[in-house]
Protein backbone atom coordinates (compact mmCIF):
# COMPACT_ATOMS: atom_id res chain seq x y z
CA UNK A 1 123.05 76.74 103.49
CA UNK A 2 125.67 78.80 102.98
CA UNK A 3 128.74 78.20 103.49
CA UNK A 4 130.72 79.09 106.47
CA UNK A 5 132.97 82.13 105.82
CA UNK A 6 136.93 81.17 106.11
CA UNK A 7 137.31 81.65 110.17
CA UNK A 8 133.97 79.64 110.16
CA UNK A 9 135.34 76.99 107.99
CA UNK A 10 138.60 76.72 110.24
CA UNK A 11 136.49 76.14 113.00
CA UNK A 12 134.49 73.74 111.12
CA UNK A 13 137.84 71.78 110.34
CA UNK A 14 139.04 71.81 113.75
CA UNK A 15 135.66 70.40 114.71
CA UNK A 16 135.63 67.33 111.98
CA UNK A 17 139.54 66.58 113.08
CA UNK A 18 138.19 66.12 116.43
CA UNK A 19 135.69 63.46 115.38
CA UNK A 20 138.11 62.08 113.39
CA UNK A 21 139.63 61.08 116.83
CA UNK A 22 136.47 60.32 118.20
CA UNK A 23 135.54 58.14 115.40
CA UNK A 24 139.00 56.61 114.29
CA UNK A 25 141.00 56.35 117.83
CA UNK A 26 144.06 57.79 116.26
CA UNK A 27 145.69 61.03 115.34
CA UNK A 28 143.47 63.48 113.48
CA UNK A 29 142.35 62.92 109.51
CA UNK A 30 144.78 65.78 107.62
CA UNK A 31 143.68 69.05 107.20
CA UNK A 32 143.34 70.27 103.73
CA UNK A 33 143.57 74.05 104.41
CA UNK A 34 140.70 75.72 102.64
CA UNK A 35 139.53 73.51 100.18
CA UNK A 36 136.04 72.75 99.90
CA UNK A 37 136.93 68.89 100.57
CA UNK A 38 137.99 70.62 104.22
CA UNK A 39 134.53 71.75 105.05
CA UNK A 40 132.85 67.89 104.27
CA UNK A 41 133.84 66.44 107.96
CA UNK A 42 131.81 63.13 107.19
CA UNK A 43 134.05 62.29 104.79
CA UNK A 44 136.64 62.71 107.14
CA UNK A 45 135.01 61.28 110.29
CA UNK A 46 135.14 58.33 107.60
CA UNK A 47 138.28 57.92 106.33
CA UNK A 48 136.97 58.43 102.88
CA UNK A 49 140.45 59.21 101.48
CA UNK A 50 141.76 55.35 102.64
CA UNK A 51 138.50 53.92 101.78
CA UNK A 52 138.93 55.28 97.76
CA UNK A 53 142.17 52.99 97.50
CA UNK A 54 140.00 50.25 97.83
CA UNK A 55 136.75 51.03 96.03
CA UNK A 56 135.09 54.30 94.52
CA UNK A 57 132.22 52.75 93.79
CA UNK A 58 132.84 52.21 89.81
CA UNK A 59 130.53 50.15 88.45
CA UNK A 60 127.79 50.07 90.39
CA UNK A 61 124.45 52.12 89.09
CA UNK A 62 122.58 54.09 91.71
CA UNK A 63 119.07 55.67 90.92
CA UNK A 64 118.13 59.02 92.75
CA UNK A 65 114.75 58.80 92.54
CA UNK A 66 113.57 62.83 93.28
CA UNK A 67 113.82 66.19 91.92
CA UNK A 68 115.55 65.30 88.59
CA UNK A 69 119.78 65.66 88.57
CA UNK A 70 121.78 68.12 86.94
CA UNK A 71 123.92 66.77 84.76
CA UNK A 72 125.72 69.59 83.97
CA UNK A 73 127.12 70.36 87.53
CA UNK A 74 130.82 69.95 87.39
CA UNK A 75 130.90 67.48 90.04
CA UNK A 76 128.75 65.40 88.19
CA UNK A 77 129.70 65.74 84.81
CA UNK A 78 130.24 62.17 83.86
CA UNK A 79 128.31 60.63 86.42
CA UNK A 80 125.06 60.82 85.25
CA UNK A 81 123.36 58.64 82.94
CA UNK A 82 119.79 58.65 80.97
CA UNK A 83 117.26 58.40 83.04
CA UNK A 84 113.08 58.76 83.41
CA UNK A 85 110.93 61.65 83.57
CA UNK A 86 108.08 61.04 85.56
CA UNK A 87 107.08 64.80 86.10
CA UNK A 88 105.40 66.02 82.77
CA UNK A 89 104.15 69.11 84.24
CA UNK A 90 107.45 70.83 84.81
CA UNK A 91 109.72 71.53 81.77
CA UNK A 92 112.62 69.90 80.82
CA UNK A 93 113.39 65.87 81.72
CA UNK A 94 115.24 64.31 84.19
CA UNK A 95 118.17 65.80 83.67
CA UNK A 96 116.41 69.51 84.99
CA UNK A 97 115.64 69.64 88.61
CA UNK A 98 113.68 71.55 89.45
CA UNK A 99 114.41 72.16 92.74
CA UNK A 100 117.96 71.12 93.82
CA UNK A 101 117.23 68.39 95.44
CA UNK A 102 118.03 65.63 93.40
CA UNK A 103 121.26 67.56 92.41
CA UNK A 104 121.95 67.19 96.34
CA UNK A 105 121.53 63.93 96.67
CA UNK A 106 123.11 62.72 93.53
CA UNK A 107 126.37 64.75 94.94
CA UNK A 108 126.57 63.75 98.24
CA UNK A 109 126.85 60.28 96.44
CA UNK A 110 128.73 60.33 93.15
CA UNK A 111 130.32 64.43 93.21
CA UNK A 112 133.95 63.84 91.43
CA UNK A 113 135.56 66.86 93.19
CA UNK A 114 136.48 67.86 89.76
CA UNK A 115 135.46 71.85 89.86
CA UNK A 116 137.18 74.95 90.90
CA UNK A 117 140.76 72.73 89.37
CA UNK A 118 139.98 69.55 91.75
CA UNK A 119 138.91 70.84 94.38
CA UNK A 120 135.48 70.88 94.35
CA UNK A 121 133.13 68.67 96.29
CA UNK A 122 132.94 65.29 96.13
CA UNK A 123 130.31 62.35 96.99
CA UNK A 124 131.38 59.47 99.21
CA UNK A 125 131.11 56.89 95.97
CA UNK A 126 132.89 58.86 93.47
CA UNK A 127 132.91 56.09 91.04
CA UNK A 128 128.88 55.51 91.05
CA UNK A 129 126.60 56.64 88.25
CA UNK A 130 123.67 58.38 89.03
CA UNK A 131 120.17 57.15 87.41
CA UNK A 132 118.27 59.88 87.56
CA UNK A 133 114.25 59.07 87.93
CA UNK A 134 112.52 62.72 88.28
CA UNK A 135 108.83 61.99 90.47
CA UNK A 136 106.38 65.08 90.34
CA UNK A 137 106.62 68.04 92.27
CA UNK A 138 105.60 68.07 95.09
CA UNK A 139 103.14 70.65 97.18
CA UNK A 140 100.75 71.27 94.06
CA UNK A 141 98.08 68.59 95.05
CA UNK A 142 94.48 69.56 96.49
CA UNK A 143 95.14 68.08 99.65
CA UNK A 144 97.44 65.37 101.72
CA UNK A 145 95.18 62.75 100.09
CA UNK A 146 95.82 63.72 97.12
CA UNK A 147 99.66 64.18 97.11
CA UNK A 148 99.61 60.69 98.79
CA UNK A 149 97.27 59.01 95.81
CA UNK A 150 100.09 60.78 93.76
CA UNK A 151 103.12 59.46 95.33
CA UNK A 152 101.96 55.98 95.55
CA UNK A 153 100.56 56.14 91.94
CA UNK A 154 104.49 57.11 90.81
CA UNK A 155 107.12 55.49 93.13
CA UNK A 156 105.84 52.09 92.07
CA UNK A 157 106.79 53.23 88.73
CA UNK A 158 109.71 54.80 89.23
CA UNK A 159 111.45 51.84 91.68
CA UNK A 160 109.94 49.03 89.42
CA UNK A 161 112.06 50.88 86.38
CA UNK A 162 115.67 51.75 88.45
CA UNK A 163 115.43 47.92 88.42
CA UNK A 164 114.87 47.12 85.10
CA UNK A 165 117.65 49.78 84.20
CA UNK A 166 120.23 48.18 86.57
CA UNK A 167 120.28 50.14 89.65
CA UNK A 168 121.81 48.13 92.56
CA UNK A 169 121.49 50.81 94.82
CA UNK A 170 117.79 53.23 94.61
CA UNK A 171 118.01 56.50 96.99
CA UNK A 172 114.82 58.06 97.69
CA UNK A 173 115.22 60.95 100.02
CA UNK A 174 111.67 61.72 99.94
CA UNK A 175 108.61 60.68 102.17
CA UNK A 176 104.49 60.97 102.62
CA UNK A 177 102.28 60.04 105.09
CA UNK A 178 100.61 56.62 103.63
CA UNK A 179 101.97 53.69 101.99
CA UNK A 180 100.41 51.37 99.78
CA UNK A 181 100.33 47.52 97.96
CA UNK A 182 101.41 48.83 95.18
CA UNK A 183 104.57 50.44 97.05
CA UNK A 184 105.16 47.13 98.74
CA UNK A 185 105.12 45.01 96.00
CA UNK A 186 107.46 47.23 94.31
CA UNK A 187 110.02 46.70 96.57
CA UNK A 188 109.64 43.67 96.56
CA UNK A 189 109.91 43.29 92.78
CA UNK A 190 113.28 45.61 93.86
CA UNK A 191 114.26 42.84 96.39
CA UNK A 192 113.68 39.88 94.13
CA UNK A 193 115.00 41.39 91.54
CA UNK A 194 119.01 42.39 93.53
CA UNK A 195 118.66 45.79 94.15
CA UNK A 196 118.74 47.33 97.83
CA UNK A 197 116.10 50.22 98.23
CA UNK A 198 117.38 53.06 101.02
CA UNK A 199 114.51 55.81 102.18
CA UNK A 200 114.68 58.55 104.62
CA UNK A 201 113.61 58.06 108.02
CA UNK A 202 112.17 61.59 107.83
CA UNK A 203 112.70 64.93 109.87
CA UNK A 204 109.52 65.09 111.87
CA UNK A 205 111.78 63.75 114.94
CA UNK A 206 110.74 66.44 117.53
CA UNK A 207 107.24 67.08 116.08
CA UNK A 208 104.74 63.99 114.61
CA UNK A 209 107.70 61.49 114.78
CA UNK A 210 104.68 60.27 112.04
CA UNK A 211 105.74 56.94 110.24
CA UNK A 212 106.55 58.20 106.39
CA UNK A 213 106.13 56.04 103.35
CA UNK A 214 108.56 54.26 101.47
CA UNK A 215 110.63 54.39 105.02
CA UNK A 216 107.70 52.21 106.61
CA UNK A 217 107.64 50.02 103.58
CA UNK A 218 108.97 46.43 103.91
CA UNK A 219 112.01 45.49 102.78
CA UNK A 220 113.53 49.23 102.69
CA UNK A 221 116.24 50.18 104.56
CA UNK A 222 115.57 53.01 106.55
CA UNK A 223 118.08 55.65 107.61
CA UNK A 224 117.87 58.32 110.12
CA UNK A 225 120.90 60.93 110.88
CA UNK A 226 123.78 61.85 113.33
CA UNK A 227 125.31 64.34 113.48
CA UNK A 228 129.35 65.83 114.84
CA UNK A 229 128.56 64.44 117.85
CA UNK A 230 127.91 60.71 116.49
CA UNK A 231 124.85 60.90 118.09
CA UNK A 232 120.96 60.96 116.34
CA UNK A 233 120.29 64.51 115.42
CA UNK A 234 117.07 66.21 117.39
CA UNK A 235 115.06 65.78 114.46
CA UNK A 236 116.05 63.02 112.77
CA UNK A 237 112.95 60.29 113.03
CA UNK A 238 113.43 57.23 115.43
CA UNK A 239 110.78 54.23 116.14
CA UNK A 240 110.87 50.60 115.13
CA UNK A 241 111.33 51.15 111.54
CA UNK A 242 114.98 52.68 111.46
CA UNK A 243 117.34 50.11 110.16
CA UNK A 244 121.04 52.45 109.82
CA UNK A 245 122.26 55.63 110.52
CA UNK A 246 124.41 57.49 108.80
CA UNK A 247 125.96 61.20 108.73
CA UNK A 248 123.11 63.88 107.80
CA UNK A 249 124.41 67.57 109.10
CA UNK A 250 126.40 70.31 108.11
CA UNK A 251 126.58 68.06 104.82
CA UNK A 252 129.00 70.08 102.07
CA UNK A 253 128.07 68.92 98.87
CA UNK A 254 127.80 69.64 94.84
CA UNK A 255 123.86 71.75 94.42
CA UNK A 256 121.96 73.61 91.96
CA UNK A 257 122.98 76.82 90.85
CA UNK A 258 124.71 79.75 92.13
CA UNK A 259 127.89 78.66 93.49
CA UNK A 260 126.58 75.07 93.23
CA UNK A 261 128.01 74.48 96.46
CA UNK A 262 125.61 74.30 99.32
CA UNK A 263 125.62 72.89 102.81
CA UNK A 264 122.46 71.09 103.60
CA UNK A 265 121.17 69.03 107.01
CA UNK A 266 118.45 65.88 107.36
CA UNK A 267 117.68 62.42 107.05
CA UNK A 268 117.96 63.13 103.19
CA UNK A 269 121.93 63.72 103.33
CA UNK A 270 122.03 60.73 105.41
CA UNK A 271 120.25 58.29 103.24
CA UNK A 272 122.80 59.46 100.35
CA UNK A 273 125.40 58.28 102.60
CA UNK A 274 123.89 55.01 103.17
CA UNK A 275 123.48 54.55 99.85
CA UNK A 276 126.64 55.35 98.63
CA UNK A 277 128.34 53.28 101.53
CA UNK A 278 126.52 50.03 99.60
CA UNK A 279 127.67 50.98 95.97
CA UNK A 280 131.62 50.97 97.85
CA UNK A 281 131.06 47.59 98.87
CA UNK A 282 129.66 45.97 95.93
CA UNK A 283 131.74 47.72 93.77
CA UNK A 284 134.38 45.45 95.83
CA UNK A 285 132.01 42.37 95.74
CA UNK A 286 130.40 42.52 92.63
CA UNK A 287 129.43 39.15 93.51
CA UNK A 288 127.20 39.64 96.66
CA UNK A 289 123.70 39.43 96.42
CA UNK A 290 121.88 42.70 97.98
CA UNK A 291 121.11 39.98 100.93
CA UNK A 292 124.99 39.90 101.43
CA UNK A 293 125.87 43.64 100.49
CA UNK A 294 123.05 44.22 103.19
CA UNK A 295 124.38 41.24 106.01
CA UNK A 296 127.59 42.94 105.77
CA UNK A 297 126.59 47.03 106.17
CA UNK A 298 124.49 45.72 109.04
CA UNK A 299 127.28 43.56 110.78
CA UNK A 300 129.70 46.41 110.53
CA UNK A 301 127.82 49.31 111.96
CA UNK A 302 128.68 50.80 114.99
CA UNK A 303 125.98 49.37 116.91
CA UNK A 304 124.49 51.07 120.36
CA UNK A 305 126.60 51.12 123.28
CA UNK A 306 123.97 49.67 125.25
CA UNK A 307 124.64 46.53 124.01
CA UNK A 308 121.47 46.02 122.00
CA UNK A 309 121.58 44.47 118.96
CA UNK A 310 119.47 47.54 117.79
CA UNK A 311 117.57 50.54 119.20
CA UNK A 312 114.59 52.57 118.29
CA UNK A 313 117.14 55.61 117.58
CA UNK A 314 120.32 54.60 115.73
CA UNK A 315 118.85 50.99 114.49
CA UNK A 316 121.55 48.48 114.14
CA UNK A 317 124.12 51.34 113.90
CA UNK A 318 126.05 53.89 111.80
CA UNK A 319 127.18 52.88 108.34
CA UNK A 320 131.11 52.13 108.42
CA UNK A 321 131.94 50.84 104.82
CA UNK A 322 135.76 51.48 105.38
CA UNK A 323 134.86 48.54 107.96
CA UNK A 324 132.94 46.83 105.59
CA UNK A 325 135.53 46.88 103.03
CA UNK A 326 138.47 45.54 104.95
CA UNK A 327 137.27 43.08 107.57
CA UNK A 328 133.55 41.87 106.03
CA UNK A 329 133.18 39.11 108.08
CA UNK A 330 130.91 36.27 106.12
CA UNK A 331 128.47 37.93 103.96
CA UNK A 332 125.95 35.10 104.95
CA UNK A 333 123.51 32.74 102.55
CA UNK A 334 122.61 34.68 98.88
CA UNK A 335 119.10 34.47 99.21
CA UNK A 336 117.87 35.46 102.50
CA UNK A 337 116.87 38.88 103.70
CA UNK A 338 118.45 40.13 107.03
CA UNK A 339 116.01 42.37 108.05
CA UNK A 340 112.92 40.82 109.77
CA UNK A 341 110.52 43.14 108.63
CA UNK A 342 109.56 41.55 105.38
CA UNK A 343 108.85 38.01 107.45
CA UNK A 344 107.09 40.07 109.72
CA UNK A 345 104.92 41.26 106.85
CA UNK A 346 104.46 38.28 104.94
CA UNK A 347 102.74 36.63 108.30
CA UNK A 348 100.20 39.18 108.88
CA UNK A 349 97.21 38.03 107.51
CA UNK A 350 96.09 40.25 104.20
CA UNK A 351 92.98 41.17 105.48
CA UNK A 352 94.31 42.51 108.74
CA UNK A 353 96.70 44.72 106.90
CA UNK A 354 96.61 45.78 103.46
CA UNK A 355 99.18 47.93 103.16
CA UNK A 356 101.46 46.00 105.32
CA UNK A 357 104.23 48.49 107.46
CA UNK A 358 107.57 47.44 108.93
CA UNK A 359 106.87 50.22 111.67
CA UNK A 360 103.68 49.21 113.29
CA UNK A 361 104.34 45.52 114.41
CA UNK A 362 105.85 44.56 117.28
CA UNK A 363 109.72 45.04 118.26
CA UNK A 364 111.50 43.37 120.88
CA UNK A 365 113.99 45.80 120.36
CA UNK A 366 112.77 48.79 120.60
CA UNK A 367 113.60 51.06 123.15
CA UNK A 368 111.48 53.41 125.61
CA UNK A 369 112.36 56.82 124.30
CA UNK A 370 112.64 57.87 128.11
CA UNK A 371 115.08 54.81 129.12
CA UNK A 372 117.50 56.20 126.30
CA UNK A 373 120.53 57.21 128.15
CA UNK A 374 123.56 58.93 126.12
CA UNK A 375 126.34 57.18 124.71
CA UNK A 376 129.52 57.27 126.30
CA UNK A 377 132.26 59.06 124.15
CA UNK A 378 135.23 57.00 124.87
CA UNK A 379 137.55 55.15 122.42
CA UNK A 380 138.67 51.79 122.11
CA UNK A 381 141.37 50.48 120.98
CA UNK A 382 139.75 47.54 119.41
CA UNK A 383 139.14 49.70 116.27
CA UNK A 384 138.38 46.72 114.09
CA UNK A 385 135.26 45.11 116.46
CA UNK A 386 132.15 46.23 115.04
CA UNK A 387 130.96 47.21 118.56
CA UNK A 388 133.58 49.34 118.27
CA UNK A 389 133.10 53.28 119.99
CA UNK A 390 129.28 52.73 118.86
CA UNK A 391 126.67 55.36 118.01
CA UNK A 392 123.66 55.49 120.13
CA UNK A 393 120.85 58.19 120.26
CA UNK A 394 119.80 61.35 122.52
CA UNK A 395 117.48 60.09 125.09
CA UNK A 396 114.16 61.72 123.98
CA UNK A 397 111.71 62.87 126.62
CA UNK A 398 107.65 62.32 126.12
CA UNK A 399 107.38 64.12 122.22
CA UNK A 400 103.70 66.24 121.62
CA UNK A 401 101.75 64.46 119.02
CA UNK A 402 101.07 66.38 115.72
CA UNK A 403 97.76 65.61 114.37
CA UNK A 404 97.55 64.09 110.58
CA UNK A 405 95.48 67.12 109.42
CA UNK A 406 98.29 69.37 110.12
CA UNK A 407 100.85 68.15 108.13
CA UNK A 408 100.45 69.76 105.67
CA UNK A 409 101.33 68.37 101.96
CA UNK A 410 103.45 65.85 100.80
CA UNK A 411 106.56 66.75 101.27
CA UNK A 412 110.29 65.60 100.66
CA UNK A 413 112.68 64.89 103.28
CA UNK A 414 114.96 67.48 103.12
CA UNK A 415 116.45 70.78 105.60
CA UNK A 416 117.89 73.28 104.52
CA UNK A 417 118.88 76.59 106.62
CA UNK A 418 120.70 79.72 106.63
CA UNK A 419 123.91 79.28 108.29
CA UNK A 420 124.19 83.71 108.08
CA UNK A 421 125.44 82.97 112.03
CA UNK A 422 126.87 79.60 113.00
CA UNK A 423 123.89 77.08 114.33
CA UNK A 424 123.60 75.47 117.25
CA UNK A 425 124.49 71.94 117.68
CA UNK A 426 121.05 70.60 115.30
CA UNK A 427 118.62 72.84 114.05
CA UNK A 428 115.13 72.60 114.92
CA UNK A 429 112.48 71.45 112.92
CA UNK A 430 109.79 73.78 113.01
CA UNK A 431 106.24 72.73 112.84
CA UNK A 432 103.90 71.40 109.94
CA UNK A 433 103.91 72.10 107.38
CA UNK A 434 107.15 70.92 106.40
CA UNK A 435 108.88 74.32 105.34
CA UNK A 436 111.83 72.02 102.97
CA UNK A 437 108.71 70.77 100.38
CA UNK A 438 109.48 74.25 98.86
CA UNK A 439 112.34 75.21 96.23
CA UNK A 440 115.67 75.30 98.18
CA UNK A 441 117.29 78.90 97.43
CA UNK A 442 120.69 78.69 96.34
CA UNK A 443 122.98 80.74 98.77
CA UNK A 444 126.80 81.82 97.32
CA UNK A 445 129.16 80.79 99.88
CA UNK A 446 132.35 82.76 100.57
CA UNK A 447 135.18 80.76 100.20
CA UNK A 448 139.10 81.46 99.69
CA UNK A 449 140.09 82.13 96.14
CA UNK A 450 142.89 79.56 96.11
CA UNK A 451 142.25 75.78 96.98
CA UNK A 452 144.96 73.58 98.03
CA UNK A 453 144.79 69.97 96.21
CA UNK A 454 143.44 67.77 99.00
CA UNK A 455 147.04 65.67 100.14
CA UNK A 456 146.92 61.37 100.10
CA UNK A 457 145.27 60.34 103.45
CA UNK A 458 147.56 58.51 105.29
CA UNK A 459 146.44 54.99 106.44
CA UNK A 460 145.10 55.44 109.97
CA UNK A 461 143.60 53.38 112.58
CA UNK A 462 139.76 52.73 112.21
CA UNK A 463 137.65 54.84 113.35
CA UNK A 464 135.55 54.46 116.64
CA UNK A 465 133.21 56.71 119.04
CA UNK A 466 129.78 56.59 119.78
CA UNK A 467 128.78 54.84 116.76
CA UNK A 468 132.39 54.86 114.35
CA UNK A 469 131.50 56.38 110.79
CA UNK A 470 134.21 54.25 108.95
């Protein structure tokens, strides 16, 4: 997406300020003039500047299993480690991003904002390091079955490599339509060795809404997307596989090519934000296990306003790392995985489910789509309560299922849309095949010639609203 013009940028800043009131329950976050930082609404809503006084993610390695990461990006210089290239047929190595997606995810996680004289784009965890693992390019297989087989052959290798190289957090903003026992075993390997795996839910919420993998794999933390109004975006997939949600619309971040600044939307972006949130918490509490970090993320998330523990639209709620850093509560037992899908998968007979899915079993907390009511936008004054300003999904009517045969090739969970005109609140997902499997063209944004450095954000009240971001 191209960056907004100055006029639209100012309107975006006003929207971010309004959302700050909703999420924080206090005075609006400060404006950052016309800097790149002013366009990053999600950082305002999550009160990132306040969080960074406590943690920047320093000391935590986040693996980005994707299309490669451009280590020369001005906002990623010094952030990207030597990784692994699992795509032998495309020129370059893991630092050669063949379509830009991996660099974007890395930028959302660990961008430093150093470009443009310190007025570049920030990631949510600017102190974290990125371990790039380049996956094979999608869209080159003969058919869907071949793509599924290739993904399930390479992804387990990528996950195990990331774990063995010390990645505490593994970000997989990719998806395909079939899992495997090898994929399941690799996720279990990651958990057993102290890592967390975050994966995008997918962007077919208005279409087939088919479960994707690895998001449907037991032990993976599946992430959906919410928008400016703190509700599930239309495209974000829903179902019992959803564990957490995070901002995933109009996300401004460092990227590959052109001006090296892009705006995108999707559950890919939301997953990067969730991964960065885990890095922030882990940096503050390096002695915690993966189970404890995830438990605190779940316990401090902005839960559904219906009062349910979870629902199929926002899962257990919106990630709120600021609350997790400020009042984490009891992290619980270090050796007990806090989500139910692993235990449920292990109870199944191997003959009944050789490739267990966390989305196929009964879900006592799953919601009927037609029964989901819109969330209240009122703000609670109890800003540090886990139930403050909860985020919930929009009620979704009956969905027309699109057959798997029309799903097209295995795809990266991405959304790239043109911003030549002001978009609707939620861009609409076109029918399959997913157009975002194609390389993302970079657009030259219209930016003001001068940037004012962001002032230090005053400590404010905690975010609240539908589901407080921070």
